[in-house]
C-alpha atoms as a PDB file:
ATOM      1  CA  MET A   1     -13.979 -18.124 -19.589  1.00  0.00           C
ATOM      2  CA  ILE A   2     -11.002 -16.042 -18.442  1.00  0.00           C
ATOM      3  CA  ALA A   3     -11.997 -13.016 -16.359  1.00  0.00           C
ATOM      4  CA  VAL A   4      -9.773  -9.958 -16.868  1.00  0.00           C
ATOM      5  CA  LEU A   5     -10.442  -7.734 -13.854  1.00  0.00           C
ATOM      6  CA  ASP A   6     -11.477  -4.258 -15.033  1.00  0.00           C
ATOM      7  CA  TYR A   7     -11.173  -1.727 -12.196  1.00  0.00           C
ATOM      8  CA  GLY A   8     -10.961   1.313 -14.447  1.00  0.00           C
ATOM      9  CA  ILE A   9      -7.233   2.090 -14.533  1.00  0.00           C
ATOM     10  CA  GLY A  10      -4.946   1.540 -17.525  1.00  0.00           C
ATOM     11  CA  ASN A  11      -5.385  -0.160 -20.858  1.00  0.00           C
ATOM     12  CA  LEU A  12      -6.850  -3.398 -19.577  1.00  0.00           C
ATOM     13  CA  ARG A  13      -8.269  -4.233 -22.990  1.00  0.00           C
ATOM     14  CA  SER A  14      -4.758  -4.927 -24.355  1.00  0.00           C
ATOM     15  CA  ALA A  15      -4.430  -7.907 -21.988  1.00  0.00           C
ATOM     16  CA  GLU A  16      -7.916  -9.100 -22.942  1.00  0.00           C
ATOM     17  CA  LYS A  17      -7.143  -8.913 -26.666  1.00  0.00           C
ATOM     18  CA  ALA A  18      -3.780 -10.667 -26.297  1.00  0.00           C
ATOM     19  CA  LEU A  19      -5.399 -13.562 -24.430  1.00  0.00           C
ATOM     20  CA  GLN A  20      -8.080 -13.795 -27.113  1.00  0.00           C
ATOM     21  CA  LYS A  21      -5.371 -13.850 -29.790  1.00  0.00           C
ATOM     22  CA  VAL A  22      -3.858 -17.021 -28.312  1.00  0.00           C
ATOM     23  CA  GLY A  23      -7.229 -18.763 -28.024  1.00  0.00           C
ATOM     24  CA  GLY A  24      -8.483 -17.697 -24.614  1.00  0.00           C
ATOM     25  CA  ALA A  25     -12.133 -16.763 -24.077  1.00  0.00           C
ATOM     26  CA  ALA A  26     -11.101 -13.634 -22.193  1.00  0.00           C
ATOM     27  CA  HIS A  27     -13.584 -10.957 -21.127  1.00  0.00           C
ATOM     28  CA  LEU A  28     -13.291  -7.781 -19.093  1.00  0.00           C
ATOM     29  CA  VAL A  29     -15.347  -8.054 -15.905  1.00  0.00           C
ATOM     30  CA  THR A  30     -16.294  -5.272 -13.508  1.00  0.00           C
ATOM     31  CA  SER A  31     -18.063  -7.249 -10.776  1.00  0.00           C
ATOM     32  CA  ALA A  32     -17.963 -10.493  -8.836  1.00  0.00           C
ATOM     33  CA  GLU A  33     -21.146 -11.571 -10.592  1.00  0.00           C
ATOM     34  CA  GLU A  34     -19.517 -11.257 -14.018  1.00  0.00           C
ATOM     35  CA  ALA A  35     -16.469 -13.211 -12.824  1.00  0.00           C
ATOM     36  CA  ALA A  36     -18.478 -16.075 -11.345  1.00  0.00           C
ATOM     37  CA  GLY A  37     -17.456 -19.465 -12.707  1.00  0.00           C
ATOM     38  CA  ALA A  38     -14.343 -18.177 -14.481  1.00  0.00           C
ATOM     39  CA  ASN A  39     -11.749 -20.799 -15.405  1.00  0.00           C
ATOM     40  CA  GLY A  40      -8.977 -18.242 -14.970  1.00  0.00           C
ATOM     41  CA  VAL A  41      -8.519 -14.745 -13.548  1.00  0.00           C
ATOM     42  CA  VAL A  42      -6.119 -12.036 -14.761  1.00  0.00           C
ATOM     43  CA  LEU A  43      -5.173  -8.900 -12.807  1.00  0.00           C
ATOM     44  CA  PRO A  44      -3.375  -6.400 -15.058  1.00  0.00           C
ATOM     45  CA  GLY A  45      -2.066  -3.049 -13.844  1.00  0.00           C
ATOM     46  CA  VAL A  46      -0.115   0.043 -14.843  1.00  0.00           C
ATOM     47  CA  GLY A  47       0.835   3.203 -13.007  1.00  0.00           C
ATOM     48  CA  ASN A  48       0.847   3.863  -9.272  1.00  0.00           C
ATOM     49  CA  PHE A  49       0.534   0.997  -6.781  1.00  0.00           C
ATOM     50  CA  GLY A  50      -1.609   2.988  -4.366  1.00  0.00           C
ATOM     51  CA  ARG A  51      -4.094   4.196  -6.974  1.00  0.00           C
ATOM     52  CA  CYS A  52      -4.419   0.705  -8.454  1.00  0.00           C
ATOM     53  CA  ILE A  53      -4.996  -1.122  -5.182  1.00  0.00           C
ATOM     54  CA  GLU A  54      -7.504   1.503  -4.041  1.00  0.00           C
ATOM     55  CA  ALA A  55      -9.403   1.180  -7.333  1.00  0.00           C
ATOM     56  CA  VAL A  56      -9.415  -2.618  -7.087  1.00  0.00           C
ATOM     57  CA  ARG A  57     -10.817  -2.419  -3.562  1.00  0.00           C
ATOM     58  CA  ALA A  58     -13.410   0.204  -4.500  1.00  0.00           C
ATOM     59  CA  SER A  59     -14.648  -2.066  -7.301  1.00  0.00           C
ATOM     60  CA  GLY A  60     -14.844  -5.116  -5.038  1.00  0.00           C
ATOM     61  CA  LEU A  61     -12.616  -7.031  -7.439  1.00  0.00           C
ATOM     62  CA  ASP A  62      -9.989  -7.493  -4.739  1.00  0.00           C
ATOM     63  CA  ARG A  63     -12.287 -10.138  -3.245  1.00  0.00           C
ATOM     64  CA  VAL A  64     -12.594 -11.819  -6.635  1.00  0.00           C
ATOM     65  CA  ALA A  65      -8.802 -11.974  -6.938  1.00  0.00           C
ATOM     66  CA  VAL A  66      -8.207 -13.397  -3.463  1.00  0.00           C
ATOM     67  CA  ALA A  67     -11.080 -15.875  -3.786  1.00  0.00           C
ATOM     68  CA  ALA A  68      -9.677 -17.148  -7.084  1.00  0.00           C
ATOM     69  CA  VAL A  69      -6.248 -17.640  -5.556  1.00  0.00           C
ATOM     70  CA  GLU A  70      -7.692 -19.471  -2.547  1.00  0.00           C
ATOM     71  CA  ALA A  71      -9.901 -21.662  -4.748  1.00  0.00           C
ATOM     72  CA  GLY A  72      -6.943 -22.815  -6.851  1.00  0.00           C
ATOM     73  CA  THR A  73      -8.225 -21.080  -9.985  1.00  0.00           C
ATOM     74  CA  PRO A  74      -5.419 -20.230 -12.444  1.00  0.00           C
ATOM     75  CA  PHE A  75      -4.427 -16.633 -11.728  1.00  0.00           C
ATOM     76  CA  LEU A  76      -2.123 -14.270 -13.623  1.00  0.00           C
ATOM     77  CA  GLY A  77      -0.929 -10.872 -12.368  1.00  0.00           C
ATOM     78  CA  ILE A  78       0.728  -8.479 -14.839  1.00  0.00           C
ATOM     79  CA  CYS A  79       3.054  -5.553 -13.960  1.00  0.00           C
ATOM     80  CA  VAL A  80       1.387  -3.571 -11.143  1.00  0.00           C
ATOM     81  CA  GLY A  81      -1.092  -6.452 -11.053  1.00  0.00           C
ATOM     82  CA  MET A  82       1.841  -8.572  -9.874  1.00  0.00           C
ATOM     83  CA  GLN A  83       2.962  -5.947  -7.352  1.00  0.00           C
ATOM     84  CA  MET A  84      -0.536  -5.773  -5.845  1.00  0.00           C
ATOM     85  CA  LEU A  85      -0.273  -9.456  -4.897  1.00  0.00           C
ATOM     86  CA  TYR A  86       2.352  -8.535  -2.301  1.00  0.00           C
ATOM     87  CA  GLU A  87       1.836  -7.052   1.154  1.00  0.00           C
ATOM     88  CA  GLY A  88       2.739  -3.513   0.147  1.00  0.00           C
ATOM     89  CA  SER A  89       4.999  -1.176  -1.801  1.00  0.00           C
ATOM     90  CA  GLU A  90       7.399   1.636  -0.997  1.00  0.00           C
ATOM     91  CA  GLU A  91       5.541   3.579  -3.694  1.00  0.00           C
ATOM     92  CA  ALA A  92       2.530   3.897  -1.378  1.00  0.00           C
ATOM     93  CA  PRO A  93       3.630   3.536   2.265  1.00  0.00           C
ATOM     94  CA  GLY A  94       0.842   2.391   4.543  1.00  0.00           C
ATOM     95  CA  VAL A  95      -1.333   1.067   1.709  1.00  0.00           C
ATOM     96  CA  LYS A  96      -1.826  -2.673   2.067  1.00  0.00           C
ATOM     97  CA  GLY A  97      -1.569  -4.960  -0.934  1.00  0.00           C
ATOM     98  CA  LEU A  98      -3.587  -8.139  -1.377  1.00  0.00           C
ATOM     99  CA  GLY A  99      -1.121 -10.145   0.721  1.00  0.00           C
ATOM    100  CA  VAL A 100      -1.206 -13.224  -1.501  1.00  0.00           C
ATOM    101  CA  LEU A 101       2.598 -13.173  -1.642  1.00  0.00           C
ATOM    102  CA  LYS A 102       4.943 -12.179   1.191  1.00  0.00           C
ATOM    103  CA  GLY A 103       7.107  -9.089   0.991  1.00  0.00           C
ATOM    104  CA  THR A 104       7.180  -5.465  -0.116  1.00  0.00           C
ATOM    105  CA  ASN A 105       7.924  -3.957  -3.511  1.00  0.00           C
ATOM    106  CA  ARG A 106      11.065  -1.801  -3.334  1.00  0.00           C
ATOM    107  CA  LEU A 107      12.344   1.069  -5.468  1.00  0.00           C
ATOM    108  CA  LEU A 108      14.904   0.025  -8.079  1.00  0.00           C
ATOM    109  CA  PRO A 109      18.538   0.872  -7.198  1.00  0.00           C
ATOM    110  CA  ASP A 110      19.742   4.472  -7.323  1.00  0.00           C
ATOM    111  CA  ASP A 111      22.442   3.655  -9.858  1.00  0.00           C
ATOM    112  CA  VAL A 112      19.994   2.717 -12.653  1.00  0.00           C
ATOM    113  CA  LYS A 113      17.582   4.831 -14.642  1.00  0.00           C
ATOM    114  CA  ARG A 114      14.033   4.722 -13.286  1.00  0.00           C
ATOM    115  CA  PRO A 115      11.715   3.502 -14.609  1.00  0.00           C
ATOM    116  CA  GLN A 116      13.221   0.508 -16.337  1.00  0.00           C
ATOM    117  CA  MET A 117      11.549   1.071 -19.699  1.00  0.00           C
ATOM    118  CA  GLN A 118      13.110  -1.376 -22.118  1.00  0.00           C
ATOM    119  CA  TRP A 119      13.389  -4.924 -23.366  1.00  0.00           C
ATOM    120  CA  ASN A 120      15.391  -7.154 -21.053  1.00  0.00           C
ATOM    121  CA  VAL A 121      16.356 -10.815 -21.127  1.00  0.00           C
ATOM    122  CA  LEU A 122      14.932 -13.291 -18.622  1.00  0.00           C
ATOM    123  CA  GLU A 123      17.287 -15.270 -16.421  1.00  0.00           C
ATOM    124  CA  PRO A 124      15.465 -18.463 -15.316  1.00  0.00           C
ATOM    125  CA  ARG A 125      15.915 -19.446 -11.675  1.00  0.00           C
ATOM    126  CA  ARG A 126      13.940 -22.677 -11.534  1.00  0.00           C
ATOM    127  CA  GLN A 127      13.690 -25.707 -13.805  1.00  0.00           C
ATOM    128  CA  GLY A 128      10.316 -26.980 -14.935  1.00  0.00           C
ATOM    129  CA  SER A 129       8.376 -23.709 -14.726  1.00  0.00           C
ATOM    130  CA  ALA A 130       4.939 -24.121 -16.326  1.00  0.00           C
ATOM    131  CA  LEU A 131       4.724 -20.347 -16.752  1.00  0.00           C
ATOM    132  CA  LEU A 132       7.913 -20.291 -18.851  1.00  0.00           C
ATOM    133  CA  ASN A 133       7.288 -23.572 -20.686  1.00  0.00           C
ATOM    134  CA  GLY A 134       8.624 -23.411 -24.238  1.00  0.00           C
ATOM    135  CA  LEU A 135      10.651 -20.247 -23.650  1.00  0.00           C
ATOM    136  CA  ASP A 136      14.144 -21.564 -24.234  1.00  0.00           C
ATOM    137  CA  GLY A 137      17.363 -19.654 -24.849  1.00  0.00           C
ATOM    138  CA  ASP A 138      17.429 -15.861 -24.644  1.00  0.00           C
ATOM    139  CA  THR A 139      13.891 -14.714 -23.912  1.00  0.00           C
ATOM    140  CA  TRP A 140      13.337 -10.956 -24.168  1.00  0.00           C
ATOM    141  CA  MET A 141      10.363  -9.279 -22.502  1.00  0.00           C
ATOM    142  CA  TYR A 142       9.242  -5.656 -22.270  1.00  0.00           C
ATOM    143  CA  PHE A 143       9.452  -3.929 -18.872  1.00  0.00           C
ATOM    144  CA  VAL A 144       8.085  -0.600 -17.606  1.00  0.00           C
ATOM    145  CA  HIS A 145       8.472  -0.186 -13.827  1.00  0.00           C
ATOM    146  CA  SER A 146      10.300   1.610 -11.027  1.00  0.00           C
ATOM    147  CA  TYR A 147       9.513  -0.837  -8.207  1.00  0.00           C
ATOM    148  CA  ALA A 148      10.069  -4.583  -7.917  1.00  0.00           C
ATOM    149  CA  ALA A 149       9.403  -7.439  -5.540  1.00  0.00           C
ATOM    150  CA  ALA A 150      12.089  -9.072  -3.417  1.00  0.00           C
ATOM    151  CA  VAL A 151      13.714 -12.291  -4.587  1.00  0.00           C
ATOM    152  CA  SER A 152      12.062 -15.304  -2.927  1.00  0.00           C
ATOM    153  CA  ASP A 153      11.455 -19.014  -3.455  1.00  0.00           C
ATOM    154  CA  ASP A 154       8.440 -18.142  -5.640  1.00  0.00           C
ATOM    155  CA  VAL A 155      10.629 -16.395  -8.240  1.00  0.00           C
ATOM    156  CA  VAL A 156      11.090 -18.335 -11.494  1.00  0.00           C
ATOM    157  CA  ALA A 157      12.913 -15.617 -13.465  1.00  0.00           C
ATOM    158  CA  THR A 158      14.837 -12.418 -12.887  1.00  0.00           C
ATOM    159  CA  CYS A 159      16.428  -9.864 -15.191  1.00  0.00           C
ATOM    160  CA  ASP A 160      19.626  -7.888 -14.712  1.00  0.00           C
ATOM    161  CA  TYR A 161      19.040  -4.197 -13.997  1.00  0.00           C
ATOM    162  CA  GLY A 162      21.597  -2.991 -11.486  1.00  0.00           C
ATOM    163  CA  GLY A 163      21.486  -6.509 -10.045  1.00  0.00           C
ATOM    164  CA  PRO A 164      18.849  -9.261 -10.144  1.00  0.00           C
ATOM    165  CA  VAL A 165      15.323  -7.864 -10.477  1.00  0.00           C
ATOM    166  CA  VAL A 166      12.286 -10.116 -10.044  1.00  0.00           C
ATOM    167  CA  ALA A 167      10.668 -10.702 -13.441  1.00  0.00           C
ATOM    168  CA  ALA A 168       8.250 -13.604 -12.841  1.00  0.00           C
ATOM    169  CA  VAL A 169       6.855 -15.624  -9.963  1.00  0.00           C
ATOM    170  CA  GLU A 170       5.006 -18.933  -9.876  1.00  0.00           C
ATOM    171  CA  ARG A 171       3.430 -20.562  -6.829  1.00  0.00           C
ATOM    172  CA  ASP A 172       0.876 -23.284  -7.412  1.00  0.00           C
ATOM    173  CA  ASN A 173      -2.014 -21.642  -9.322  1.00  0.00           C
ATOM    174  CA  VAL A 174      -0.573 -18.122  -8.953  1.00  0.00           C
ATOM    175  CA  TRP A 175       1.511 -16.791 -11.836  1.00  0.00           C
ATOM    176  CA  ALA A 176       2.714 -13.206 -12.187  1.00  0.00           C
ATOM    177  CA  THR A 177       5.048 -11.177 -14.379  1.00  0.00           C
ATOM    178  CA  GLN A 178       6.675  -7.797 -13.818  1.00  0.00           C
ATOM    179  CA  PHE A 179       6.989  -7.400 -17.588  1.00  0.00           C
ATOM    180  CA  HIS A 180       4.117  -6.982 -20.041  1.00  0.00           C
ATOM    181  CA  PRO A 181       3.644 -10.247 -21.972  1.00  0.00           C
ATOM    182  CA  GLU A 182       0.990  -8.578 -24.151  1.00  0.00           C
ATOM    183  CA  LYS A 183       3.697  -6.150 -25.370  1.00  0.00           C
ATOM    184  CA  SER A 184       6.491  -8.715 -25.657  1.00  0.00           C
ATOM    185  CA  GLY A 185       5.988 -10.190 -29.115  1.00  0.00           C
ATOM    186  CA  GLU A 186       5.951 -13.932 -29.715  1.00  0.00           C
ATOM    187  CA  SER A 187       7.645 -14.761 -26.408  1.00  0.00           C
ATOM    188  CA  GLY A 188       4.914 -12.927 -24.533  1.00  0.00           C
ATOM    189  CA  MET A 189       2.251 -14.643 -26.601  1.00  0.00           C
ATOM    190  CA  ARG A 190       3.776 -18.027 -25.756  1.00  0.00           C
ATOM    191  CA  LEU A 191       3.595 -17.231 -22.050  1.00  0.00           C
ATOM    192  CA  LEU A 192      -0.053 -16.166 -22.370  1.00  0.00           C
ATOM    193  CA  ARG A 193      -0.761 -19.347 -24.321  1.00  0.00           C
ATOM    194  CA  ASN A 194       0.703 -21.327 -21.401  1.00  0.00           C
ATOM    195  CA  PHE A 195      -1.777 -19.601 -19.125  1.00  0.00           C
ATOM    196  CA  VAL A 196      -4.724 -20.232 -21.452  1.00  0.00           C
ATOM    197  CA  GLU A 197      -3.784 -23.909 -21.592  1.00  0.00           C
ATOM    198  CA  LYS A 198      -3.598 -24.042 -17.792  1.00  0.00           C
ATOM    199  CA  CYS A 199      -7.099 -22.569 -17.601  1.00  0.00           C
ATOM    200  CA  ALA A 200      -8.392 -25.271 -19.952  1.00  0.00           C
ATOM    201  CA  VAL A 201      -7.198 -28.186 -17.802  1.00  0.00           C
END
């Protein structure tokens, strides 16, 4: 079972349905009890960082997310779900993120249109990424965001938007994407299939 954390903000069902489409037994969960025993955990997110992290904490699903990461359970963060894994964001100063990954999400450069709302091509930064397995050549994904994480050793792909912008990270059992794989056609489905296969191991 893949637990898609439902904290009441955004169209979380689209991630659930996309995972089901590629063979994952994905279900929306609203409590730790419902997530118990999950083979994988997904944290989607859209909108404002502060509102999302506050809703996750109010639901108690923040503890589910951190426990899954610490237990080595396959974990996937999507869009703001990725941003919440970091220590904070300029979008909501003073609001702490989950702190799974180091760093702060920063506003995109002043010389580009914000938000980035478009398809953009991934630029791989690391060989042998399990997250990006099978995505060869020009891989286009769909982005909608105004803030992005800092480039670090965990980054496996960036895109070019006024300079390198973090697109995907991978550290042990933690995978995350700034783009929306569920809105990114066959390439996005392939990435989600990689996650489903990881959950089945």
